[in-house]
Amino acid sequence: MNDASMISAAQPAPERVAQMLRDITISSQLDTRPVAAEDVADEVAAMRRLSDALQSGEAAAVFRACCRAAIDLSGADTCGISLHEPDADEGDVFRWIAVEGPMAARLGGSAPRDFSPCGVCVDGAMPVLNAPARAAVQLPRERAMYARGAAGAADRPRRAA
């Protein structure tokens, strides 16, 4: 069973979906989180790993290195890269082409376009931060995994840009 089929059977009406996603989104906190001190050694190490991946010529290795660098430098638990597939067998979905961290088992999986943090991010043309605790309350169990996957480092200091 793929990810999209897990949630399509009981997906609520579009207005309820929109409200649930609004209830768990805490993106306004992105600018208020404390800024962590720079760690030049970590940044150089991440750039070396990314450079090695680029030299490999393998797109999958580059995507994994990008995700790993994001985790290492931000303190996030999980990072993923997804592609929009409007005509996939499962319908209009985002497919994870790279995932690092606890959600790595979702590699190759998908989330419905209109019921996922990926869709909220694209619709708003900006990063999205979700509250995992709110997601667990607001969303049925099988849907909460999407909110946790996009939560990132909600409780961790962010890096200076």
N, C-alpha and C. Protein backbone atom coordinates (compact mmCIF):
# COMPACT_ATOMS: atom_id res chain seq x y z
N MET A 1 0.85 -1.17 0.00
CA MET A 1 0.00 0.00 0.00
C MET A 1 0.90 1.24 0.00
N ASN A 2 0.66 2.17 -0.91
CA ASN A 2 1.50 3.37 -0.94
C ASN A 2 0.90 4.44 -0.03
N ASP A 3 1.69 5.50 0.19
CA ASP A 3 1.27 6.55 1.12
C ASP A 3 -0.03 7.21 0.71
N ALA A 4 -0.19 7.49 -0.58
CA ALA A 4 -1.40 8.19 -1.04
C ALA A 4 -2.65 7.34 -0.80
N SER A 5 -2.55 6.02 -1.05
CA SER A 5 -3.72 5.17 -0.85
C SER A 5 -4.06 5.03 0.62
N MET A 6 -3.07 5.22 1.50
CA MET A 6 -3.33 5.12 2.94
C MET A 6 -4.27 6.21 3.40
N ILE A 7 -4.26 7.37 2.76
CA ILE A 7 -5.07 8.45 3.29
C ILE A 7 -6.23 8.84 2.40
N SER A 8 -6.28 8.34 1.19
CA SER A 8 -7.32 8.81 0.27
C SER A 8 -8.72 8.33 0.65
N ALA A 9 -8.82 7.17 1.25
CA ALA A 9 -10.13 6.61 1.53
C ALA A 9 -10.95 7.45 2.51
N ALA A 10 -10.30 8.03 3.49
CA ALA A 10 -11.03 8.77 4.52
C ALA A 10 -10.70 10.26 4.51
N GLN A 11 -10.22 10.76 3.40
CA GLN A 11 -9.84 12.17 3.33
C GLN A 11 -11.06 13.06 3.51
N PRO A 12 -10.97 14.03 4.42
CA PRO A 12 -12.11 14.92 4.66
C PRO A 12 -12.32 15.90 3.53
N ALA A 13 -13.42 16.63 3.61
CA ALA A 13 -13.77 17.62 2.60
C ALA A 13 -12.66 18.68 2.50
N PRO A 14 -12.50 19.31 1.31
CA PRO A 14 -11.42 20.29 1.11
C PRO A 14 -11.38 21.41 2.15
N GLU A 15 -12.53 21.92 2.57
CA GLU A 15 -12.50 23.00 3.55
C GLU A 15 -12.00 22.52 4.91
N ARG A 16 -12.30 21.28 5.26
CA ARG A 16 -11.81 20.70 6.52
C ARG A 16 -10.31 20.48 6.43
N VAL A 17 -9.83 20.02 5.28
CA VAL A 17 -8.40 19.82 5.07
C VAL A 17 -7.67 21.14 5.24
N ALA A 18 -8.18 22.19 4.62
CA ALA A 18 -7.55 23.51 4.71
C ALA A 18 -7.50 23.98 6.16
N GLN A 19 -8.56 23.78 6.90
CA GLN A 19 -8.59 24.20 8.30
C GLN A 19 -7.61 23.38 9.13
N MET A 20 -7.54 22.08 8.92
CA MET A 20 -6.61 21.25 9.68
C MET A 20 -5.17 21.68 9.42
N LEU A 21 -4.84 21.96 8.16
CA LEU A 21 -3.48 22.39 7.83
C LEU A 21 -3.18 23.75 8.46
N ARG A 22 -4.15 24.66 8.46
CA ARG A 22 -3.95 25.97 9.11
C ARG A 22 -3.73 25.78 10.61
N ASP A 23 -4.44 24.85 11.21
CA ASP A 23 -4.34 24.63 12.66
C ASP A 23 -2.98 24.11 13.09
N ILE A 24 -2.29 23.38 12.24
CA ILE A 24 -0.99 22.83 12.63
C ILE A 24 0.19 23.65 12.12
N THR A 25 -0.07 24.64 11.26
CA THR A 25 1.01 25.43 10.68
C THR A 25 1.43 26.54 11.65
N ILE A 26 2.73 26.57 11.95
CA ILE A 26 3.27 27.58 12.87
C ILE A 26 4.43 28.33 12.20
N SER A 27 4.31 28.57 10.92
CA SER A 27 5.38 29.21 10.15
C SER A 27 5.77 30.58 10.69
N SER A 28 4.86 31.27 11.34
CA SER A 28 5.19 32.58 11.89
C SER A 28 6.32 32.49 12.91
N GLN A 29 6.55 31.32 13.47
CA GLN A 29 7.62 31.13 14.45
C GLN A 29 9.00 31.03 13.81
N LEU A 30 9.06 30.88 12.49
CA LEU A 30 10.36 30.76 11.83
C LEU A 30 11.25 31.97 12.12
N ASP A 31 10.68 33.16 12.12
CA ASP A 31 11.46 34.37 12.34
C ASP A 31 11.72 34.68 13.81
N THR A 32 11.06 33.98 14.71
CA THR A 32 11.20 34.29 16.13
C THR A 32 12.09 33.30 16.88
N ARG A 33 12.50 32.22 16.23
CA ARG A 33 13.36 31.24 16.89
C ARG A 33 14.76 31.83 17.08
N PRO A 34 15.44 31.43 18.13
CA PRO A 34 16.79 31.96 18.36
C PRO A 34 17.74 31.52 17.25
N VAL A 35 18.74 32.35 17.02
CA VAL A 35 19.74 32.05 15.99
C VAL A 35 20.92 31.37 16.66
N ALA A 36 21.30 30.19 16.17
CA ALA A 36 22.44 29.46 16.72
C ALA A 36 23.73 30.09 16.22
N ALA A 37 24.77 29.92 17.00
CA ALA A 37 26.08 30.43 16.60
C ALA A 37 26.57 29.68 15.36
N GLU A 38 27.31 30.38 14.53
CA GLU A 38 27.89 29.74 13.34
C GLU A 38 28.90 28.69 13.76
N ASP A 39 28.97 27.63 12.98
CA ASP A 39 29.98 26.61 13.18
C ASP A 39 30.64 26.39 11.83
N VAL A 40 31.70 27.13 11.59
CA VAL A 40 32.36 27.11 10.28
C VAL A 40 32.83 25.70 9.93
N ALA A 41 33.32 24.95 10.90
CA ALA A 41 33.80 23.59 10.62
C ALA A 41 32.66 22.72 10.10
N ASP A 42 31.49 22.82 10.72
CA ASP A 42 30.33 22.04 10.25
C ASP A 42 29.93 22.47 8.84
N GLU A 43 29.95 23.77 8.59
CA GLU A 43 29.57 24.28 7.27
C GLU A 43 30.54 23.82 6.20
N VAL A 44 31.83 23.85 6.50
CA VAL A 44 32.85 23.38 5.55
C VAL A 44 32.68 21.89 5.29
N ALA A 45 32.44 21.12 6.34
CA ALA A 45 32.24 19.67 6.18
C ALA A 45 31.03 19.38 5.30
N ALA A 46 29.95 20.12 5.53
CA ALA A 46 28.74 19.93 4.72
C ALA A 46 29.01 20.28 3.26
N MET A 47 29.74 21.35 3.02
CA MET A 47 30.06 21.74 1.64
C MET A 47 30.97 20.71 0.97
N ARG A 48 31.89 20.12 1.72
CA ARG A 48 32.75 19.06 1.15
C ARG A 48 31.93 17.85 0.75
N ARG A 49 30.99 17.46 1.62
CA ARG A 49 30.13 16.31 1.29
C ARG A 49 29.27 16.61 0.06
N LEU A 50 28.77 17.82 -0.01
CA LEU A 50 27.98 18.22 -1.17
C LEU A 50 28.84 18.23 -2.43
N SER A 51 30.06 18.74 -2.33
CA SER A 51 30.99 18.76 -3.47
C SER A 51 31.30 17.34 -3.94
N ASP A 52 31.54 16.43 -2.99
CA ASP A 52 31.79 15.03 -3.35
C ASP A 52 30.60 14.43 -4.08
N ALA A 53 29.41 14.73 -3.59
CA ALA A 53 28.20 14.21 -4.23
C ALA A 53 28.05 14.77 -5.64
N LEU A 54 28.32 16.05 -5.81
CA LEU A 54 28.24 16.66 -7.14
C LEU A 54 29.24 16.00 -8.09
N GLN A 55 30.43 15.71 -7.61
CA GLN A 55 31.44 15.07 -8.45
C GLN A 55 31.06 13.65 -8.84
N SER A 56 30.21 13.02 -8.04
CA SER A 56 29.79 11.64 -8.35
C SER A 56 28.93 11.60 -9.61
N GLY A 57 28.30 12.72 -9.93
CA GLY A 57 27.43 12.77 -11.10
C GLY A 57 26.10 12.07 -10.90
N GLU A 58 25.81 11.62 -9.69
CA GLU A 58 24.56 10.92 -9.41
C GLU A 58 23.57 11.89 -8.74
N ALA A 59 22.46 12.13 -9.41
CA ALA A 59 21.47 13.07 -8.87
C ALA A 59 20.99 12.65 -7.49
N ALA A 60 20.76 11.36 -7.29
CA ALA A 60 20.27 10.88 -5.99
C ALA A 60 21.27 11.20 -4.88
N ALA A 61 22.56 11.07 -5.18
CA ALA A 61 23.59 11.37 -4.18
C ALA A 61 23.60 12.87 -3.84
N VAL A 62 23.40 13.70 -4.84
CA VAL A 62 23.36 15.15 -4.62
C VAL A 62 22.15 15.51 -3.75
N PHE A 63 20.99 14.95 -4.06
CA PHE A 63 19.79 15.23 -3.28
C PHE A 63 19.96 14.77 -1.83
N ARG A 64 20.54 13.58 -1.63
CA ARG A 64 20.78 13.09 -0.27
C ARG A 64 21.75 14.01 0.47
N ALA A 65 22.78 14.45 -0.21
CA ALA A 65 23.76 15.35 0.42
C ALA A 65 23.12 16.68 0.81
N CYS A 66 22.24 17.18 -0.03
CA CYS A 66 21.52 18.42 0.30
C CYS A 66 20.67 18.23 1.55
N CYS A 67 19.96 17.12 1.61
CA CYS A 67 19.12 16.84 2.78
C CYS A 67 19.98 16.68 4.04
N ARG A 68 21.07 15.94 3.92
CA ARG A 68 21.94 15.72 5.07
C ARG A 68 22.53 17.05 5.54
N ALA A 69 22.95 17.92 4.61
CA ALA A 69 23.50 19.22 4.98
C ALA A 69 22.44 20.05 5.71
N ALA A 70 21.21 20.02 5.22
CA ALA A 70 20.14 20.78 5.87
C ALA A 70 19.92 20.31 7.30
N ILE A 71 19.94 19.00 7.50
CA ILE A 71 19.77 18.45 8.85
C ILE A 71 20.95 18.84 9.73
N ASP A 72 22.16 18.62 9.23
CA ASP A 72 23.35 18.89 10.03
C ASP A 72 23.48 20.36 10.41
N LEU A 73 23.11 21.23 9.50
CA LEU A 73 23.31 22.66 9.75
C LEU A 73 22.12 23.34 10.45
N SER A 74 20.95 22.72 10.39
CA SER A 74 19.77 23.36 11.00
C SER A 74 19.34 22.71 12.30
N GLY A 75 19.75 21.47 12.52
CA GLY A 75 19.27 20.76 13.69
C GLY A 75 17.93 20.10 13.48
N ALA A 76 17.43 20.11 12.25
CA ALA A 76 16.15 19.46 11.95
C ALA A 76 16.28 17.95 12.14
N ASP A 77 15.17 17.30 12.37
CA ASP A 77 15.16 15.84 12.49
C ASP A 77 15.13 15.18 11.13
N THR A 78 14.36 15.72 10.23
CA THR A 78 14.14 15.13 8.92
C THR A 78 14.20 16.21 7.85
N CYS A 79 14.69 15.83 6.69
CA CYS A 79 14.66 16.72 5.54
C CYS A 79 14.35 15.87 4.31
N GLY A 80 13.56 16.42 3.42
CA GLY A 80 13.23 15.70 2.20
C GLY A 80 13.10 16.64 1.03
N ILE A 81 13.26 16.06 -0.14
CA ILE A 81 13.05 16.78 -1.40
C ILE A 81 11.95 16.03 -2.13
N SER A 82 10.94 16.75 -2.54
CA SER A 82 9.84 16.11 -3.25
C SER A 82 9.59 16.78 -4.58
N LEU A 83 9.09 16.00 -5.51
CA LEU A 83 8.71 16.50 -6.83
C LEU A 83 7.21 16.40 -7.00
N HIS A 84 6.63 17.41 -7.62
CA HIS A 84 5.20 17.41 -7.89
C HIS A 84 4.94 16.53 -9.11
N GLU A 85 4.05 15.57 -8.95
CA GLU A 85 3.64 14.68 -10.03
C GLU A 85 2.12 14.78 -10.18
N PRO A 86 1.66 15.73 -11.00
CA PRO A 86 0.20 15.94 -11.11
C PRO A 86 -0.54 14.77 -11.76
N ASP A 87 0.17 13.94 -12.52
CA ASP A 87 -0.49 12.84 -13.24
C ASP A 87 -0.02 11.47 -12.79
N ALA A 88 0.38 11.33 -11.53
CA ALA A 88 0.83 10.04 -11.02
C ALA A 88 -0.34 9.06 -10.94
N ASP A 89 -0.02 7.78 -10.86
CA ASP A 89 -1.07 6.76 -10.74
C ASP A 89 -1.97 7.03 -9.54
N GLU A 90 -1.41 7.59 -8.45
CA GLU A 90 -2.18 7.87 -7.25
C GLU A 90 -2.95 9.18 -7.34
N GLY A 91 -2.79 9.91 -8.42
CA GLY A 91 -3.44 11.22 -8.57
C GLY A 91 -2.40 12.32 -8.50
N ASP A 92 -2.81 13.48 -8.06
CA ASP A 92 -1.95 14.67 -7.96
C ASP A 92 -1.18 14.59 -6.65
N VAL A 93 0.11 14.25 -6.71
CA VAL A 93 0.90 14.00 -5.51
C VAL A 93 2.26 14.70 -5.56
N PHE A 94 2.88 14.74 -4.38
CA PHE A 94 4.30 15.05 -4.26
C PHE A 94 4.99 13.73 -3.94
N ARG A 95 6.07 13.43 -4.68
CA ARG A 95 6.82 12.20 -4.44
C ARG A 95 8.18 12.55 -3.85
N TRP A 96 8.52 11.87 -2.76
CA TRP A 96 9.80 12.11 -2.09
C TRP A 96 10.92 11.41 -2.85
N ILE A 97 11.83 12.21 -3.41
CA ILE A 97 12.95 11.65 -4.17
C ILE A 97 14.22 11.61 -3.33
N ALA A 98 14.21 12.25 -2.19
CA ALA A 98 15.31 12.18 -1.23
C ALA A 98 14.73 12.44 0.15
N VAL A 99 15.10 11.62 1.11
CA VAL A 99 14.65 11.80 2.49
C VAL A 99 15.77 11.32 3.41
N GLU A 100 16.13 12.14 4.36
CA GLU A 100 17.12 11.77 5.37
C GLU A 100 16.49 11.98 6.73
N GLY A 101 16.90 11.19 7.70
CA GLY A 101 16.37 11.29 9.05
C GLY A 101 15.32 10.22 9.30
N PRO A 102 14.55 10.37 10.37
CA PRO A 102 13.57 9.35 10.76
C PRO A 102 12.54 9.02 9.69
N MET A 103 12.29 9.91 8.77
CA MET A 103 11.30 9.66 7.72
C MET A 103 11.92 9.01 6.48
N ALA A 104 13.19 8.61 6.54
CA ALA A 104 13.88 8.06 5.38
C ALA A 104 13.16 6.87 4.75
N ALA A 105 12.41 6.14 5.54
CA ALA A 105 11.66 4.99 5.00
C ALA A 105 10.59 5.43 4.00
N ARG A 106 10.28 6.71 3.97
CA ARG A 106 9.27 7.24 3.05
C ARG A 106 9.84 7.54 1.67
N LEU A 107 11.13 7.32 1.45
CA LEU A 107 11.74 7.55 0.15
C LEU A 107 10.93 6.84 -0.94
N GLY A 108 10.55 7.58 -1.97
CA GLY A 108 9.75 7.03 -3.05
C GLY A 108 8.25 7.10 -2.79
N GLY A 109 7.89 7.40 -1.55
CA GLY A 109 6.48 7.52 -1.19
C GLY A 109 5.90 8.83 -1.70
N SER A 110 4.64 9.02 -1.45
CA SER A 110 3.98 10.22 -1.94
C SER A 110 2.97 10.75 -0.92
N ALA A 111 2.61 12.00 -1.13
CA ALA A 111 1.58 12.66 -0.32
C ALA A 111 0.66 13.40 -1.28
N PRO A 112 -0.63 13.39 -1.03
CA PRO A 112 -1.56 14.09 -1.92
C PRO A 112 -1.24 15.59 -2.00
N ARG A 113 -1.35 16.14 -3.16
CA ARG A 113 -1.04 17.56 -3.40
C ARG A 113 -1.85 18.47 -2.48
N ASP A 114 -3.12 18.17 -2.31
CA ASP A 114 -4.00 19.05 -1.56
C ASP A 114 -4.12 18.69 -0.08
N PHE A 115 -3.35 17.71 0.36
CA PHE A 115 -3.39 17.34 1.77
C PHE A 115 -1.98 17.01 2.24
N SER A 116 -1.13 18.03 2.18
CA SER A 116 0.24 17.81 2.62
C SER A 116 0.92 19.13 2.89
N PRO A 117 1.92 19.11 3.77
CA PRO A 117 2.72 20.32 3.98
C PRO A 117 3.41 20.77 2.69
N CYS A 118 3.73 19.84 1.80
CA CYS A 118 4.35 20.22 0.52
C CYS A 118 3.41 21.14 -0.26
N GLY A 119 2.15 20.80 -0.32
CA GLY A 119 1.18 21.62 -1.03
C GLY A 119 1.02 23.00 -0.40
N VAL A 120 1.02 23.05 0.94
CA VAL A 120 0.92 24.33 1.65
C VAL A 120 2.13 25.19 1.32
N CYS A 121 3.30 24.59 1.30
CA CYS A 121 4.54 25.30 0.99
C CYS A 121 4.49 25.89 -0.41
N VAL A 122 4.09 25.10 -1.39
CA VAL A 122 4.02 25.56 -2.77
C VAL A 122 2.95 26.63 -2.93
N ASP A 123 1.78 26.41 -2.34
CA ASP A 123 0.70 27.39 -2.44
C ASP A 123 1.10 28.75 -1.86
N GLY A 124 1.85 28.72 -0.76
CA GLY A 124 2.25 29.96 -0.12
C GLY A 124 3.57 30.52 -0.63
N ALA A 125 4.28 29.75 -1.47
CA ALA A 125 5.58 30.15 -2.01
C ALA A 125 6.54 30.55 -0.89
N MET A 126 6.54 29.76 0.20
CA MET A 126 7.41 30.04 1.33
C MET A 126 7.58 28.79 2.18
N PRO A 127 8.62 28.77 3.02
CA PRO A 127 8.80 27.61 3.91
C PRO A 127 7.61 27.47 4.85
N VAL A 128 7.36 26.24 5.26
CA VAL A 128 6.26 25.95 6.17
C VAL A 128 6.80 25.19 7.37
N LEU A 129 6.40 25.60 8.54
CA LEU A 129 6.78 24.91 9.77
C LEU A 129 5.49 24.43 10.42
N ASN A 130 5.46 23.14 10.76
CA ASN A 130 4.27 22.56 11.38
C ASN A 130 4.58 22.11 12.79
N ALA A 131 3.58 22.13 13.64
CA ALA A 131 3.71 21.70 15.03
C ALA A 131 3.31 20.24 15.14
N PRO A 132 4.27 19.34 15.36
CA PRO A 132 3.93 17.91 15.45
C PRO A 132 2.90 17.60 16.51
N ALA A 133 2.96 18.26 17.66
CA ALA A 133 1.99 17.97 18.73
C ALA A 133 0.58 18.35 18.29
N ARG A 134 0.44 19.47 17.61
CA ARG A 134 -0.88 19.87 17.12
C ARG A 134 -1.36 18.90 16.04
N ALA A 135 -0.44 18.44 15.21
CA ALA A 135 -0.82 17.51 14.14
C ALA A 135 -1.38 16.23 14.73
N ALA A 136 -0.77 15.76 15.80
CA ALA A 136 -1.23 14.52 16.42
C ALA A 136 -2.66 14.66 16.93
N VAL A 137 -3.03 15.85 17.36
CA VAL A 137 -4.39 16.09 17.86
C VAL A 137 -5.36 16.36 16.72
N GLN A 138 -4.93 17.19 15.74
CA GLN A 138 -5.82 17.65 14.68
C GLN A 138 -6.05 16.62 13.57
N LEU A 139 -5.06 15.79 13.32
CA LEU A 139 -5.13 14.89 12.17
C LEU A 139 -5.25 13.44 12.61
N PRO A 140 -6.00 12.65 11.87
CA PRO A 140 -6.03 11.22 12.16
C PRO A 140 -4.62 10.64 12.11
N ARG A 141 -4.41 9.54 12.78
CA ARG A 141 -3.09 8.94 12.95
C ARG A 141 -2.30 8.82 11.66
N GLU A 142 -2.90 8.32 10.59
CA GLU A 142 -2.15 8.09 9.36
C GLU A 142 -1.79 9.40 8.66
N ARG A 143 -2.45 10.48 8.99
CA ARG A 143 -2.11 11.76 8.37
C ARG A 143 -1.03 12.50 9.14
N ALA A 144 -0.87 12.20 10.42
CA ALA A 144 0.08 12.92 11.25
C ALA A 144 1.51 12.75 10.76
N MET A 145 1.81 11.64 10.09
CA MET A 145 3.19 11.44 9.64
C MET A 145 3.62 12.53 8.68
N TYR A 146 2.70 13.08 7.89
CA TYR A 146 3.07 14.15 6.97
C TYR A 146 3.41 15.42 7.73
N ALA A 147 2.68 15.70 8.76
CA ALA A 147 2.96 16.89 9.55
C ALA A 147 4.29 16.76 10.27
N ARG A 148 4.56 15.57 10.82
CA ARG A 148 5.84 15.37 11.50
C ARG A 148 6.98 15.50 10.51
N GLY A 149 6.79 15.02 9.31
CA GLY A 149 7.85 15.07 8.31
C GLY A 149 8.23 16.48 7.93
N ALA A 150 7.33 17.40 7.98
CA ALA A 150 7.63 18.77 7.60
C ALA A 150 7.96 19.63 8.81
N ALA A 151 7.86 19.07 10.01
CA ALA A 151 8.03 19.88 11.20
C ALA A 151 9.43 20.45 11.32
N GLY A 152 10.42 19.67 10.92
CA GLY A 152 11.79 20.18 10.99
C GLY A 152 12.21 20.47 12.40
N ALA A 153 12.79 21.64 12.59
CA ALA A 153 13.40 21.98 13.88
C ALA A 153 12.56 22.99 14.64
N ALA A 154 11.32 22.68 14.87
CA ALA A 154 10.42 23.64 15.52
C ALA A 154 10.94 24.09 16.87
N ASP A 155 11.60 23.21 17.60
CA ASP A 155 12.04 23.56 18.94
C ASP A 155 13.55 23.79 19.02
N ARG A 156 14.20 23.91 17.90
CA ARG A 156 15.65 24.08 17.89
C ARG A 156 16.05 25.42 17.34
N PRO A 157 17.20 25.94 17.79
CA PRO A 157 17.66 27.21 17.26
C PRO A 157 17.93 27.12 15.78
N ARG A 158 17.63 28.17 15.06
CA ARG A 158 17.93 28.19 13.63
C ARG A 158 19.31 28.78 13.42
N ARG A 159 19.89 28.51 12.27
CA ARG A 159 21.21 29.04 11.92
C ARG A 159 21.04 30.42 11.32
N ALA A 160 22.03 31.25 11.52
CA ALA A 160 22.04 32.56 10.89
C ALA A 160 22.20 32.36 9.39
N ALA A 161 21.55 33.19 8.59
CA ALA A 161 21.64 33.06 7.14
C ALA A 161 22.94 33.63 6.63
